[in-house]
Amino acid sequence: MRGKEMGTVRPRHASKPRLTSRFGEFIGTSKIDPQVVPPGLFENTRPYLETLVVQINGTYQAGFYDACAVMCRRLLQCMLLLAFERAANGEVIRDVFGEYRAFADVILAHWNDQHVCLMRTE
């Protein structure tokens, strides 16, 4: 089972049928239903957002509700960061090294100074 490099794993090819029969339902061949976030909302946008939506729906479908909540938080974080960047307020959510601040700090920055509008404007 050892991989070529330290800390990696590579199963033997002969183990594939046994592993597939045991864990096949968790392999990405099953259809994921859009139970939480409709994938159409993020189609043809950023690939990592499309991947997040698949992961959100997949974890919910598999019954991993805590993981689904974490992925939803991650999607919210990405969307808020993109909103700041689009509003040309990216410097507000970055530290002195240019790295994004903690999510709680980004939320506080929004609520304290209203750098971005999070409501639909018609």
PDB file of N, CA and C in Angstrom:
ATOM      1  N   MET A   1       0.810  -1.202   0.000  1.00  0.00           N
ATOM      2  CA  MET A   1       0.000   0.000   0.000  1.00  0.00           C
ATOM      3  C   MET A   1       0.855   1.268   0.000  1.00  0.00           C
ATOM      4  N   ARG A   2       2.138   1.189   0.249  1.00  0.00           N
ATOM      5  CA  ARG A   2       2.968   2.388   0.286  1.00  0.00           C
ATOM      6  C   ARG A   2       3.092   3.013  -1.091  1.00  0.00           C
ATOM      7  N   GLY A   3       3.128   4.343  -1.093  1.00  0.00           N
ATOM      8  CA  GLY A   3       3.352   5.052  -2.344  1.00  0.00           C
ATOM      9  C   GLY A   3       4.833   5.216  -2.611  1.00  0.00           C
ATOM     10  N   LYS A   4       5.149   5.884  -3.690  1.00  0.00           N
ATOM     11  CA  LYS A   4       6.549   6.084  -4.051  1.00  0.00           C
ATOM     12  C   LYS A   4       7.237   7.093  -3.144  1.00  0.00           C
ATOM     13  N   GLU A   5       6.471   8.045  -2.628  1.00  0.00           N
ATOM     14  CA  GLU A   5       7.040   9.073  -1.762  1.00  0.00           C
ATOM     15  C   GLU A   5       6.571   8.867  -0.338  1.00  0.00           C
ATOM     16  N   MET A   6       7.318   9.414   0.592  1.00  0.00           N
ATOM     17  CA  MET A   6       7.001   9.316   2.014  1.00  0.00           C
ATOM     18  C   MET A   6       5.636   9.934   2.293  1.00  0.00           C
ATOM     19  N   GLY A   7       4.789   9.227   3.021  1.00  0.00           N
ATOM     20  CA  GLY A   7       3.483   9.743   3.408  1.00  0.00           C
ATOM     21  C   GLY A   7       2.395   9.571   2.365  1.00  0.00           C
ATOM     22  N   THR A   8       2.683   8.838   1.288  1.00  0.00           N
ATOM     23  CA  THR A   8       1.663   8.610   0.267  1.00  0.00           C
ATOM     24  C   THR A   8       1.242   7.154   0.260  1.00  0.00           C
ATOM     25  N   VAL A   9       0.079   6.897  -0.319  1.00  0.00           N
ATOM     26  CA  VAL A   9      -0.471   5.547  -0.373  1.00  0.00           C
ATOM     27  C   VAL A   9      -0.855   5.244  -1.812  1.00  0.00           C
ATOM     28  N   ARG A  10      -0.566   4.030  -2.225  1.00  0.00           N
ATOM     29  CA  ARG A  10      -0.964   3.587  -3.560  1.00  0.00           C
ATOM     30  C   ARG A  10      -1.435   2.142  -3.442  1.00  0.00           C
ATOM     31  N   PRO A  11      -2.735   1.914  -3.544  1.00  0.00           N
ATOM     32  CA  PRO A  11      -3.244   0.542  -3.419  1.00  0.00           C
ATOM     33  C   PRO A  11      -2.794  -0.321  -4.600  1.00  0.00           C
ATOM     34  N   ARG A  12      -2.687  -1.605  -4.362  1.00  0.00           N
ATOM     35  CA  ARG A  12      -2.332  -2.540  -5.427  1.00  0.00           C
ATOM     36  C   ARG A  12      -3.497  -2.686  -6.392  1.00  0.00           C
ATOM     37  N   HIS A  13      -3.168  -2.886  -7.648  1.00  0.00           N
ATOM     38  CA  HIS A  13      -4.199  -3.031  -8.667  1.00  0.00           C
ATOM     39  C   HIS A  13      -5.114  -4.228  -8.373  1.00  0.00           C
ATOM     40  N   ALA A  14      -4.561  -5.256  -7.783  1.00  0.00           N
ATOM     41  CA  ALA A  14      -5.345  -6.452  -7.464  1.00  0.00           C
ATOM     42  C   ALA A  14      -6.406  -6.164  -6.405  1.00  0.00           C
ATOM     43  N   SER A  15      -6.234  -5.088  -5.627  1.00  0.00           N
ATOM     44  CA  SER A  15      -7.190  -4.738  -4.569  1.00  0.00           C
ATOM     45  C   SER A  15      -8.387  -3.960  -5.097  1.00  0.00           C
ATOM     46  N   LYS A  16      -8.326  -3.497  -6.337  1.00  0.00           N
ATOM     47  CA  LYS A  16      -9.375  -2.625  -6.876  1.00  0.00           C
ATOM     48  C   LYS A  16     -10.773  -3.238  -6.812  1.00  0.00           C
ATOM     49  N   PRO A  17     -11.000  -4.495  -7.225  1.00  0.00           N
ATOM     50  CA  PRO A  17     -12.356  -5.047  -7.159  1.00  0.00           C
ATOM     51  C   PRO A  17     -12.909  -5.099  -5.730  1.00  0.00           C
ATOM     52  N   ARG A  18     -12.064  -5.476  -4.782  1.00  0.00           N
ATOM     53  CA  ARG A  18     -12.502  -5.558  -3.386  1.00  0.00           C
ATOM     54  C   ARG A  18     -12.819  -4.162  -2.842  1.00  0.00           C
ATOM     55  N   LEU A  19     -11.983  -3.185  -3.152  1.00  0.00           N
ATOM     56  CA  LEU A  19     -12.219  -1.825  -2.687  1.00  0.00           C
ATOM     57  C   LEU A  19     -13.450  -1.217  -3.353  1.00  0.00           C
ATOM     58  N   THR A  20     -13.643  -1.489  -4.634  1.00  0.00           N
ATOM     59  CA  THR A  20     -14.808  -0.970  -5.349  1.00  0.00           C
ATOM     60  C   THR A  20     -16.098  -1.551  -4.789  1.00  0.00           C
ATOM     61  N   SER A  21     -16.089  -2.851  -4.475  1.00  0.00           N
ATOM     62  CA  SER A  21     -17.308  -3.445  -3.927  1.00  0.00           C
ATOM     63  C   SER A  21     -17.625  -2.887  -2.540  1.00  0.00           C
ATOM     64  N   ARG A  22     -16.601  -2.529  -1.806  1.00  0.00           N
ATOM     65  CA  ARG A  22     -16.820  -2.018  -0.448  1.00  0.00           C
ATOM     66  C   ARG A  22     -17.133  -0.526  -0.423  1.00  0.00           C
ATOM     67  N   PHE A  23     -16.461   0.252  -1.288  1.00  0.00           N
ATOM     68  CA  PHE A  23     -16.589   1.705  -1.234  1.00  0.00           C
ATOM     69  C   PHE A  23     -17.125   2.313  -2.531  1.00  0.00           C
ATOM     70  N   GLY A  24     -17.655   1.488  -3.425  1.00  0.00           N
ATOM     71  CA  GLY A  24     -18.113   1.961  -4.724  1.00  0.00           C
ATOM     72  C   GLY A  24     -19.150   3.055  -4.665  1.00  0.00           C
ATOM     73  N   GLU A  25     -20.007   3.031  -3.650  1.00  0.00           N
ATOM     74  CA  GLU A  25     -21.055   4.056  -3.570  1.00  0.00           C
ATOM     75  C   GLU A  25     -20.499   5.444  -3.293  1.00  0.00           C
ATOM     76  N   PHE A  26     -19.248   5.516  -2.815  1.00  0.00           N
ATOM     77  CA  PHE A  26     -18.640   6.810  -2.502  1.00  0.00           C
ATOM     78  C   PHE A  26     -17.776   7.344  -3.630  1.00  0.00           C
ATOM     79  N   ILE A  27     -17.591   6.551  -4.675  1.00  0.00           N
ATOM     80  CA  ILE A  27     -16.792   6.977  -5.816  1.00  0.00           C
ATOM     81  C   ILE A  27     -17.661   7.867  -6.695  1.00  0.00           C
ATOM     82  N   GLY A  28     -17.068   8.866  -7.329  1.00  0.00           N
ATOM     83  CA  GLY A  28     -17.794   9.890  -8.058  1.00  0.00           C
ATOM     84  C   GLY A  28     -18.580   9.441  -9.270  1.00  0.00           C
ATOM     85  N   THR A  29     -19.023   8.192  -9.326  1.00  0.00           N
ATOM     86  CA  THR A  29     -19.783   7.742 -10.483  1.00  0.00           C
ATOM     87  C   THR A  29     -21.285   7.923 -10.306  1.00  0.00           C
ATOM     88  N   SER A  30     -21.734   8.179  -9.092  1.00  0.00           N
ATOM     89  CA  SER A  30     -23.165   8.306  -8.867  1.00  0.00           C
ATOM     90  C   SER A  30     -23.639   9.722  -9.205  1.00  0.00           C
ATOM     91  N   LYS A  31     -24.916   9.852  -9.535  1.00  0.00           N
ATOM     92  CA  LYS A  31     -25.497  11.144  -9.878  1.00  0.00           C
ATOM     93  C   LYS A  31     -25.759  11.924  -8.591  1.00  0.00           C
ATOM     94  N   ILE A  32     -25.387  13.179  -8.602  1.00  0.00           N
ATOM     95  CA  ILE A  32     -25.605  14.029  -7.430  1.00  0.00           C
ATOM     96  C   ILE A  32     -26.790  14.933  -7.724  1.00  0.00           C
ATOM     97  N   ASP A  33     -27.806  14.837  -6.876  1.00  0.00           N
ATOM     98  CA  ASP A  33     -29.005  15.653  -7.034  1.00  0.00           C
ATOM     99  C   ASP A  33     -28.780  17.045  -6.447  1.00  0.00           C
ATOM    100  N   PRO A  34     -29.321  18.078  -7.074  1.00  0.00           N
ATOM    101  CA  PRO A  34     -29.164  19.444  -6.558  1.00  0.00           C
ATOM    102  C   PRO A  34     -30.130  19.715  -5.408  1.00  0.00           C
ATOM    103  N   GLN A  35     -29.816  19.202  -4.235  1.00  0.00           N
ATOM    104  CA  GLN A  35     -30.721  19.304  -3.103  1.00  0.00           C
ATOM    105  C   GLN A  35     -30.548  20.578  -2.283  1.00  0.00           C
ATOM    106  N   VAL A  36     -29.375  21.201  -2.346  1.00  0.00           N
ATOM    107  CA  VAL A  36     -29.114  22.383  -1.524  1.00  0.00           C
ATOM    108  C   VAL A  36     -28.935  23.625  -2.394  1.00  0.00           C
ATOM    109  N   VAL A  37     -27.997  23.555  -3.334  1.00  0.00           N
ATOM    110  CA  VAL A  37     -27.707  24.694  -4.209  1.00  0.00           C
ATOM    111  C   VAL A  37     -27.915  24.259  -5.656  1.00  0.00           C
ATOM    112  N   PRO A  38     -28.760  24.960  -6.398  1.00  0.00           N
ATOM    113  CA  PRO A  38     -28.943  24.616  -7.812  1.00  0.00           C
ATOM    114  C   PRO A  38     -27.660  24.882  -8.594  1.00  0.00           C
ATOM    115  N   PRO A  39     -27.125  23.865  -9.272  1.00  0.00           N
ATOM    116  CA  PRO A  39     -25.873  24.051 -10.013  1.00  0.00           C
ATOM    117  C   PRO A  39     -25.964  25.115 -11.099  1.00  0.00           C
ATOM    118  N   GLY A  40     -27.156  25.345 -11.627  1.00  0.00           N
ATOM    119  CA  GLY A  40     -27.322  26.344 -12.678  1.00  0.00           C
ATOM    120  C   GLY A  40     -26.933  27.746 -12.249  1.00  0.00           C
ATOM    121  N   LEU A  41     -26.986  28.022 -10.952  1.00  0.00           N
ATOM    122  CA  LEU A  41     -26.603  29.343 -10.463  1.00  0.00           C
ATOM    123  C   LEU A  41     -25.124  29.639 -10.700  1.00  0.00           C
ATOM    124  N   PHE A  42     -24.328  28.585 -10.779  1.00  0.00           N
ATOM    125  CA  PHE A  42     -22.881  28.766 -10.892  1.00  0.00           C
ATOM    126  C   PHE A  42     -22.300  28.184 -12.172  1.00  0.00           C
ATOM    127  N   GLU A  43     -23.153  27.765 -13.112  1.00  0.00           N
ATOM    128  CA  GLU A  43     -22.679  27.223 -14.381  1.00  0.00           C
ATOM    129  C   GLU A  43     -21.914  28.280 -15.160  1.00  0.00           C
ATOM    130  N   ASN A  44     -20.802  27.861 -15.747  1.00  0.00           N
ATOM    131  CA  ASN A  44     -19.965  28.730 -16.569  1.00  0.00           C
ATOM    132  C   ASN A  44     -19.461  29.958 -15.818  1.00  0.00           C
ATOM    133  N   THR A  45     -19.202  29.777 -14.516  1.00  0.00           N
ATOM    134  CA  THR A  45     -18.591  30.857 -13.737  1.00  0.00           C
ATOM    135  C   THR A  45     -17.155  30.448 -13.457  1.00  0.00           C
ATOM    136  N   ARG A  46     -16.788  30.448 -12.230  1.00  0.00           N
ATOM    137  CA  ARG A  46     -15.446  30.007 -11.845  1.00  0.00           C
ATOM    138  C   ARG A  46     -15.496  28.509 -11.535  1.00  0.00           C
ATOM    139  N   PRO A  47     -14.541  27.736 -12.052  1.00  0.00           N
ATOM    140  CA  PRO A  47     -14.567  26.283 -11.834  1.00  0.00           C
ATOM    141  C   PRO A  47     -14.584  25.879 -10.360  1.00  0.00           C
ATOM    142  N   TYR A  48     -13.870  26.622  -9.509  1.00  0.00           N
ATOM    143  CA  TYR A  48     -13.863  26.246  -8.100  1.00  0.00           C
ATOM    144  C   TYR A  48     -15.221  26.464  -7.445  1.00  0.00           C
ATOM    145  N   LEU A  49     -16.005  27.412  -7.947  1.00  0.00           N
ATOM    146  CA  LEU A  49     -17.358  27.602  -7.417  1.00  0.00           C
ATOM    147  C   LEU A  49     -18.260  26.458  -7.867  1.00  0.00           C
ATOM    148  N   GLU A  50     -18.110  26.035  -9.117  1.00  0.00           N
ATOM    149  CA  GLU A  50     -18.885  24.893  -9.612  1.00  0.00           C
ATOM    150  C   GLU A  50     -18.547  23.637  -8.816  1.00  0.00           C
ATOM    151  N   THR A  51     -17.270  23.464  -8.485  1.00  0.00           N
ATOM    152  CA  THR A  51     -16.843  22.314  -7.684  1.00  0.00           C
ATOM    153  C   THR A  51     -17.426  22.377  -6.280  1.00  0.00           C
ATOM    154  N   LEU A  52     -17.442  23.559  -5.687  1.00  0.00           N
ATOM    155  CA  LEU A  52     -18.027  23.718  -4.353  1.00  0.00           C
ATOM    156  C   LEU A  52     -19.498  23.328  -4.350  1.00  0.00           C
ATOM    157  N   VAL A  53     -20.230  23.712  -5.382  1.00  0.00           N
ATOM    158  CA  VAL A  53     -21.653  23.382  -5.457  1.00  0.00           C
ATOM    159  C   VAL A  53     -21.851  21.870  -5.544  1.00  0.00           C
ATOM    160  N   VAL A  54     -21.022  21.202  -6.343  1.00  0.00           N
ATOM    161  CA  VAL A  54     -21.100  19.738  -6.439  1.00  0.00           C
ATOM    162  C   VAL A  54     -20.806  19.116  -5.074  1.00  0.00           C
ATOM    163  N   GLN A  55     -19.794  19.632  -4.381  1.00  0.00           N
ATOM    164  CA  GLN A  55     -19.437  19.094  -3.069  1.00  0.00           C
ATOM    165  C   GLN A  55     -20.529  19.346  -2.040  1.00  0.00           C
ATOM    166  N   ILE A  56     -21.145  20.507  -2.087  1.00  0.00           N
ATOM    167  CA  ILE A  56     -22.238  20.817  -1.153  1.00  0.00           C
ATOM    168  C   ILE A  56     -23.386  19.831  -1.358  1.00  0.00           C
ATOM    169  N   ASN A  57     -23.828  19.693  -2.598  1.00  0.00           N
ATOM    170  CA  ASN A  57     -24.941  18.789  -2.879  1.00  0.00           C
ATOM    171  C   ASN A  57     -24.577  17.335  -2.614  1.00  0.00           C
ATOM    172  N   GLY A  58     -23.338  16.956  -2.931  1.00  0.00           N
ATOM    173  CA  GLY A  58     -22.902  15.582  -2.721  1.00  0.00           C
ATOM    174  C   GLY A  58     -22.804  15.204  -1.253  1.00  0.00           C
ATOM    175  N   THR A  59     -22.274  16.101  -0.434  1.00  0.00           N
ATOM    176  CA  THR A  59     -22.175  15.792   1.000  1.00  0.00           C
ATOM    177  C   THR A  59     -23.554  15.722   1.633  1.00  0.00           C
ATOM    178  N   TYR A  60     -24.460  16.575   1.191  1.00  0.00           N
ATOM    179  CA  TYR A  60     -25.822  16.515   1.728  1.00  0.00           C
ATOM    180  C   TYR A  60     -26.500  15.212   1.326  1.00  0.00           C
ATOM    181  N   GLN A  61     -26.357  14.852   0.053  1.00  0.00           N
ATOM    182  CA  GLN A  61     -26.980  13.628  -0.447  1.00  0.00           C
ATOM    183  C   GLN A  61     -26.451  12.395   0.275  1.00  0.00           C
ATOM    184  N   ALA A  62     -25.167  12.412   0.618  1.00  0.00           N
ATOM    185  CA  ALA A  62     -24.558  11.276   1.313  1.00  0.00           C
ATOM    186  C   ALA A  62     -24.861  11.284   2.809  1.00  0.00           C
ATOM    187  N   GLY A  63     -25.491  12.341   3.295  1.00  0.00           N
ATOM    188  CA  GLY A  63     -25.840  12.409   4.705  1.00  0.00           C
ATOM    189  C   GLY A  63     -24.745  12.986   5.582  1.00  0.00           C
ATOM    190  N   PHE A  64     -23.751  13.604   4.969  1.00  0.00           N
ATOM    191  CA  PHE A  64     -22.668  14.230   5.725  1.00  0.00           C
ATOM    192  C   PHE A  64     -23.027  15.699   5.947  1.00  0.00           C
ATOM    193  N   TYR A  65     -23.964  15.933   6.849  1.00  0.00           N
ATOM    194  CA  TYR A  65     -24.558  17.255   7.005  1.00  0.00           C
ATOM    195  C   TYR A  65     -23.587  18.279   7.578  1.00  0.00           C
ATOM    196  N   ASP A  66     -22.711  17.861   8.479  1.00  0.00           N
ATOM    197  CA  ASP A  66     -21.720  18.804   9.008  1.00  0.00           C
ATOM    198  C   ASP A  66     -20.763  19.245   7.903  1.00  0.00           C
ATOM    199  N   ALA A  67     -20.337  18.291   7.080  1.00  0.00           N
ATOM    200  CA  ALA A  67     -19.455  18.624   5.954  1.00  0.00           C
ATOM    201  C   ALA A  67     -20.174  19.546   4.976  1.00  0.00           C
ATOM    202  N   CYS A  68     -21.452  19.318   4.764  1.00  0.00           N
ATOM    203  CA  CYS A  68     -22.247  20.168   3.876  1.00  0.00           C
ATOM    204  C   CYS A  68     -22.287  21.600   4.412  1.00  0.00           C
ATOM    205  N   ALA A  69     -22.476  21.730   5.723  1.00  0.00           N
ATOM    206  CA  ALA A  69     -22.507  23.063   6.334  1.00  0.00           C
ATOM    207  C   ALA A  69     -21.161  23.771   6.172  1.00  0.00           C
ATOM    208  N   VAL A  70     -20.073  23.030   6.325  1.00  0.00           N
ATOM    209  CA  VAL A  70     -18.741  23.612   6.157  1.00  0.00           C
ATOM    210  C   VAL A  70     -18.552  24.080   4.720  1.00  0.00           C
ATOM    211  N   MET A  71     -19.009  23.289   3.759  1.00  0.00           N
ATOM    212  CA  MET A  71     -18.874  23.664   2.362  1.00  0.00           C
ATOM    213  C   MET A  71     -19.753  24.870   2.025  1.00  0.00           C
ATOM    214  N   CYS A  72     -20.937  24.957   2.643  1.00  0.00           N
ATOM    215  CA  CYS A  72     -21.800  26.129   2.436  1.00  0.00           C
ATOM    216  C   CYS A  72     -21.122  27.382   2.969  1.00  0.00           C
ATOM    217  N   ARG A  73     -20.477  27.255   4.112  1.00  0.00           N
ATOM    218  CA  ARG A  73     -19.743  28.383   4.688  1.00  0.00           C
ATOM    219  C   ARG A  73     -18.625  28.798   3.739  1.00  0.00           C
ATOM    220  N   ARG A  74     -17.959  27.821   3.163  1.00  0.00           N
ATOM    221  CA  ARG A  74     -16.867  28.106   2.226  1.00  0.00           C
ATOM    222  C   ARG A  74     -17.390  28.840   0.999  1.00  0.00           C
ATOM    223  N   LEU A  75     -18.544  28.431   0.483  1.00  0.00           N
ATOM    224  CA  LEU A  75     -19.141  29.105  -0.661  1.00  0.00           C
ATOM    225  C   LEU A  75     -19.511  30.541  -0.297  1.00  0.00           C
ATOM    226  N   LEU A  76     -20.091  30.734   0.877  1.00  0.00           N
ATOM    227  CA  LEU A  76     -20.440  32.073   1.332  1.00  0.00           C
ATOM    228  C   LEU A  76     -19.195  32.944   1.447  1.00  0.00           C
ATOM    229  N   GLN A  77     -18.126  32.374   1.987  1.00  0.00           N
ATOM    230  CA  GLN A  77     -16.875  33.107   2.124  1.00  0.00           C
ATOM    231  C   GLN A  77     -16.338  33.522   0.755  1.00  0.00           C
ATOM    232  N   CYS A  78     -16.331  32.605  -0.187  1.00  0.00           N
ATOM    233  CA  CYS A  78     -15.858  32.923  -1.541  1.00  0.00           C
ATOM    234  C   CYS A  78     -16.694  34.028  -2.169  1.00  0.00           C
ATOM    235  N   MET A  79     -18.001  33.927  -2.014  1.00  0.00           N
ATOM    236  CA  MET A  79     -18.882  34.927  -2.611  1.00  0.00           C
ATOM    237  C   MET A  79     -18.673  36.304  -1.977  1.00  0.00           C
ATOM    238  N   LEU A  80     -18.467  36.349  -0.669  1.00  0.00           N
ATOM    239  CA  LEU A  80     -18.236  37.631   0.006  1.00  0.00           C
ATOM    240  C   LEU A  80     -16.892  38.232  -0.422  1.00  0.00           C
ATOM    241  N   LEU A  81     -15.858  37.398  -0.530  1.00  0.00           N
ATOM    242  CA  LEU A  81     -14.558  37.897  -0.992  1.00  0.00           C
ATOM    243  C   LEU A  81     -14.663  38.438  -2.416  1.00  0.00           C
ATOM    244  N   LEU A  82     -15.382  37.725  -3.266  1.00  0.00           N
ATOM    245  CA  LEU A  82     -15.567  38.199  -4.644  1.00  0.00           C
ATOM    246  C   LEU A  82     -16.350  39.508  -4.685  1.00  0.00           C
ATOM    247  N   ALA A  83     -17.316  39.658  -3.806  1.00  0.00           N
ATOM    248  CA  ALA A  83     -18.094  40.904  -3.761  1.00  0.00           C
ATOM    249  C   ALA A  83     -17.199  42.073  -3.365  1.00  0.00           C
ATOM    250  N   PHE A  84     -16.328  41.869  -2.373  1.00  0.00           N
ATOM    251  CA  PHE A  84     -15.396  42.934  -1.987  1.00  0.00           C
ATOM    252  C   PHE A  84     -14.470  43.287  -3.148  1.00  0.00           C
ATOM    253  N   GLU A  85     -13.928  42.264  -3.800  1.00  0.00           N
ATOM    254  CA  GLU A  85     -13.005  42.514  -4.906  1.00  0.00           C
ATOM    255  C   GLU A  85     -13.709  43.237  -6.056  1.00  0.00           C
ATOM    256  N   ARG A  86     -14.929  42.821  -6.350  1.00  0.00           N
ATOM    257  CA  ARG A  86     -15.670  43.444  -7.459  1.00  0.00           C
ATOM    258  C   ARG A  86     -16.006  44.900  -7.161  1.00  0.00           C
ATOM    259  N   ALA A  87     -16.236  45.205  -5.879  1.00  0.00           N
ATOM    260  CA  ALA A  87     -16.548  46.578  -5.484  1.00  0.00           C
ATOM    261  C   ALA A  87     -15.284  47.418  -5.313  1.00  0.00           C
ATOM    262  N   ALA A  88     -14.139  46.864  -5.715  1.00  0.00           N
ATOM    263  CA  ALA A  88     -12.846  47.552  -5.610  1.00  0.00           C
ATOM    264  C   ALA A  88     -12.491  47.900  -4.172  1.00  0.00           C
ATOM    265  N   ASN A  89     -12.879  47.029  -3.263  1.00  0.00           N
ATOM    266  CA  ASN A  89     -12.546  47.210  -1.849  1.00  0.00           C
ATOM    267  C   ASN A  89     -11.709  46.045  -1.327  1.00  0.00           C
ATOM    268  N   GLY A  90     -10.944  45.422  -2.194  1.00  0.00           N
ATOM    269  CA  GLY A  90     -10.146  44.269  -1.810  1.00  0.00           C
ATOM    270  C   GLY A  90      -9.126  44.564  -0.732  1.00  0.00           C
ATOM    271  N   GLU A  91      -8.614  45.790  -0.686  1.00  0.00           N
ATOM    272  CA  GLU A  91      -7.607  46.130   0.316  1.00  0.00           C
ATOM    273  C   GLU A  91      -8.172  46.094   1.740  1.00  0.00           C
ATOM    274  N   VAL A  92      -9.483  46.261   1.873  1.00  0.00           N
ATOM    275  CA  VAL A  92     -10.119  46.244   3.189  1.00  0.00           C
ATOM    276  C   VAL A  92     -10.057  44.856   3.818  1.00  0.00           C
ATOM    277  N   ILE A  93     -10.090  43.823   2.998  1.00  0.00           N
ATOM    278  CA  ILE A  93     -10.148  42.456   3.516  1.00  0.00           C
ATOM    279  C   ILE A  93      -8.798  41.741   3.454  1.00  0.00           C
ATOM    280  N   ARG A  94      -7.741  42.481   3.158  1.00  0.00           N
ATOM    281  CA  ARG A  94      -6.390  41.905   3.117  1.00  0.00           C
ATOM    282  C   ARG A  94      -5.535  42.489   4.244  1.00  0.00           C
ATOM    283  N   ASP A  95      -4.615  41.663   4.746  1.00  0.00           N
ATOM    284  CA  ASP A  95      -3.702  42.142   5.774  1.00  0.00           C
ATOM    285  C   ASP A  95      -2.499  42.825   5.122  1.00  0.00           C
ATOM    286  N   VAL A  96      -1.509  43.194   5.932  1.00  0.00           N
ATOM    287  CA  VAL A  96      -0.347  43.923   5.406  1.00  0.00           C
ATOM    288  C   VAL A  96       0.486  43.077   4.446  1.00  0.00           C
ATOM    289  N   PHE A  97       0.338  41.744   4.500  1.00  0.00           N
ATOM    290  CA  PHE A  97       1.076  40.853   3.614  1.00  0.00           C
ATOM    291  C   PHE A  97       0.296  40.526   2.336  1.00  0.00           C
ATOM    292  N   GLY A  98      -0.910  41.089   2.195  1.00  0.00           N
ATOM    293  CA  GLY A  98      -1.726  40.840   1.011  1.00  0.00           C
ATOM    294  C   GLY A  98      -2.575  39.588   1.095  1.00  0.00           C
ATOM    295  N   GLU A  99      -2.575  38.919   2.235  1.00  0.00           N
ATOM    296  CA  GLU A  99      -3.374  37.708   2.436  1.00  0.00           C
ATOM    297  C   GLU A  99      -4.772  38.103   2.929  1.00  0.00           C
ATOM    298  N   TYR A 100      -5.754  37.275   2.567  1.00  0.00           N
ATOM    299  CA  TYR A 100      -7.110  37.550   3.047  1.00  0.00           C
ATOM    300  C   TYR A 100      -7.181  37.398   4.567  1.00  0.00           C
ATOM    301  N   ARG A 101      -7.960  38.269   5.174  1.00  0.00           N
ATOM    302  CA  ARG A 101      -8.168  38.189   6.624  1.00  0.00           C
ATOM    303  C   ARG A 101      -9.090  37.012   6.937  1.00  0.00           C
ATOM    304  N   ALA A 102      -9.224  36.713   8.232  1.00  0.00           N
ATOM    305  CA  ALA A 102     -10.128  35.654   8.671  1.00  0.00           C
ATOM    306  C   ALA A 102     -11.558  36.011   8.271  1.00  0.00           C
ATOM    307  N   PHE A 103     -12.363  34.995   8.053  1.00  0.00           N
ATOM    308  CA  PHE A 103     -13.730  35.209   7.585  1.00  0.00           C
ATOM    309  C   PHE A 103     -14.521  36.100   8.541  1.00  0.00           C
ATOM    310  N   ALA A 104     -14.345  35.915   9.835  1.00  0.00           N
ATOM    311  CA  ALA A 104     -15.053  36.747  10.824  1.00  0.00           C
ATOM    312  C   ALA A 104     -14.674  38.214  10.649  1.00  0.00           C
ATOM    313  N   ASP A 105     -13.416  38.490  10.355  1.00  0.00           N
ATOM    314  CA  ASP A 105     -12.973  39.873  10.139  1.00  0.00           C
ATOM    315  C   ASP A 105     -13.565  40.463   8.866  1.00  0.00           C
ATOM    316  N   VAL A 106     -13.724  39.624   7.850  1.00  0.00           N
ATOM    317  CA  VAL A 106     -14.326  40.088   6.590  1.00  0.00           C
ATOM    318  C   VAL A 106     -15.789  40.453   6.829  1.00  0.00           C
ATOM    319  N   ILE A 107     -16.487  39.618   7.587  1.00  0.00           N
ATOM    320  CA  ILE A 107     -17.891  39.911   7.895  1.00  0.00           C
ATOM    321  C   ILE A 107     -17.994  41.202   8.702  1.00  0.00           C
ATOM    322  N   LEU A 108     -17.119  41.361   9.693  1.00  0.00           N
ATOM    323  CA  LEU A 108     -17.122  42.600  10.488  1.00  0.00           C
ATOM    324  C   LEU A 108     -16.823  43.821   9.619  1.00  0.00           C
ATOM    325  N   ALA A 109     -15.901  43.676   8.692  1.00  0.00           N
ATOM    326  CA  ALA A 109     -15.576  44.796   7.799  1.00  0.00           C
ATOM    327  C   ALA A 109     -16.804  45.205   7.001  1.00  0.00           C
ATOM    328  N   HIS A 110     -17.580  44.214   6.586  1.00  0.00           N
ATOM    329  CA  HIS A 110     -18.796  44.544   5.839  1.00  0.00           C
ATOM    330  C   HIS A 110     -19.813  45.246   6.731  1.00  0.00           C
ATOM    331  N   TRP A 111     -20.070  44.673   7.886  1.00  0.00           N
ATOM    332  CA  TRP A 111     -21.117  45.239   8.749  1.00  0.00           C
ATOM    333  C   TRP A 111     -20.727  46.602   9.300  1.00  0.00           C
ATOM    334  N   ASN A 112     -19.448  46.820   9.566  1.00  0.00           N
ATOM    335  CA  ASN A 112     -19.013  48.096  10.142  1.00  0.00           C
ATOM    336  C   ASN A 112     -19.028  49.227   9.129  1.00  0.00           C
ATOM    337  N   ASP A 113     -18.590  48.957   7.908  1.00  0.00           N
ATOM    338  CA  ASP A 113     -18.420  50.038   6.934  1.00  0.00           C
ATOM    339  C   ASP A 113     -19.267  49.911   5.681  1.00  0.00           C
ATOM    340  N   GLN A 114     -19.981  48.802   5.528  1.00  0.00           N
ATOM    341  CA  GLN A 114     -20.844  48.591   4.359  1.00  0.00           C
ATOM    342  C   GLN A 114     -20.107  48.849   3.046  1.00  0.00           C
ATOM    343  N   HIS A 115     -18.995  48.127   2.847  1.00  0.00           N
ATOM    344  CA  HIS A 115     -18.202  48.281   1.633  1.00  0.00           C
ATOM    345  C   HIS A 115     -18.865  47.674   0.405  1.00  0.00           C
ATOM    346  N   VAL A 116     -19.729  46.700   0.616  1.00  0.00           N
ATOM    347  CA  VAL A 116     -20.418  46.065  -0.503  1.00  0.00           C
ATOM    348  C   VAL A 116     -21.900  45.998  -0.195  1.00  0.00           C
ATOM    349  N   CYS A 117     -22.714  45.979  -1.235  1.00  0.00           N
ATOM    350  CA  CYS A 117     -24.154  45.847  -1.073  1.00  0.00           C
ATOM    351  C   CYS A 117     -24.517  44.390  -1.288  1.00  0.00           C
ATOM    352  N   LEU A 118     -25.094  43.743  -0.283  1.00  0.00           N
ATOM    353  CA  LEU A 118     -25.425  42.337  -0.389  1.00  0.00           C
ATOM    354  C   LEU A 118     -26.885  42.110  -0.753  1.00  0.00           C
ATOM    355  N   MET A 119     -27.632  43.176  -0.980  1.00  0.00           N
ATOM    356  CA  MET A 119     -29.040  43.027  -1.346  1.00  0.00           C
ATOM    357  C   MET A 119     -29.200  43.156  -2.850  1.00  0.00           C
ATOM    358  N   ARG A 120     -30.241  42.546  -3.333  1.00  0.00           N
ATOM    359  CA  ARG A 120     -30.550  42.646  -4.761  1.00  0.00           C
ATOM    360  C   ARG A 120     -31.022  44.054  -5.067  1.00  0.00           C
ATOM    361  N   THR A 121     -30.446  44.623  -6.093  1.00  0.00           N
ATOM    362  CA  THR A 121     -30.889  45.949  -6.533  1.00  0.00           C
ATOM    363  C   THR A 121     -31.489  45.803  -7.915  1.00  0.00           C
ATOM    364  N   GLU A 122     -32.647  46.312  -8.118  1.00  0.00           N
ATOM    365  CA  GLU A 122     -33.341  46.145  -9.400  1.00  0.00           C
ATOM    366  C   GLU A 122     -33.167  47.370 -10.241  1.00  0.00           C
TER     367      GLU A 122
END
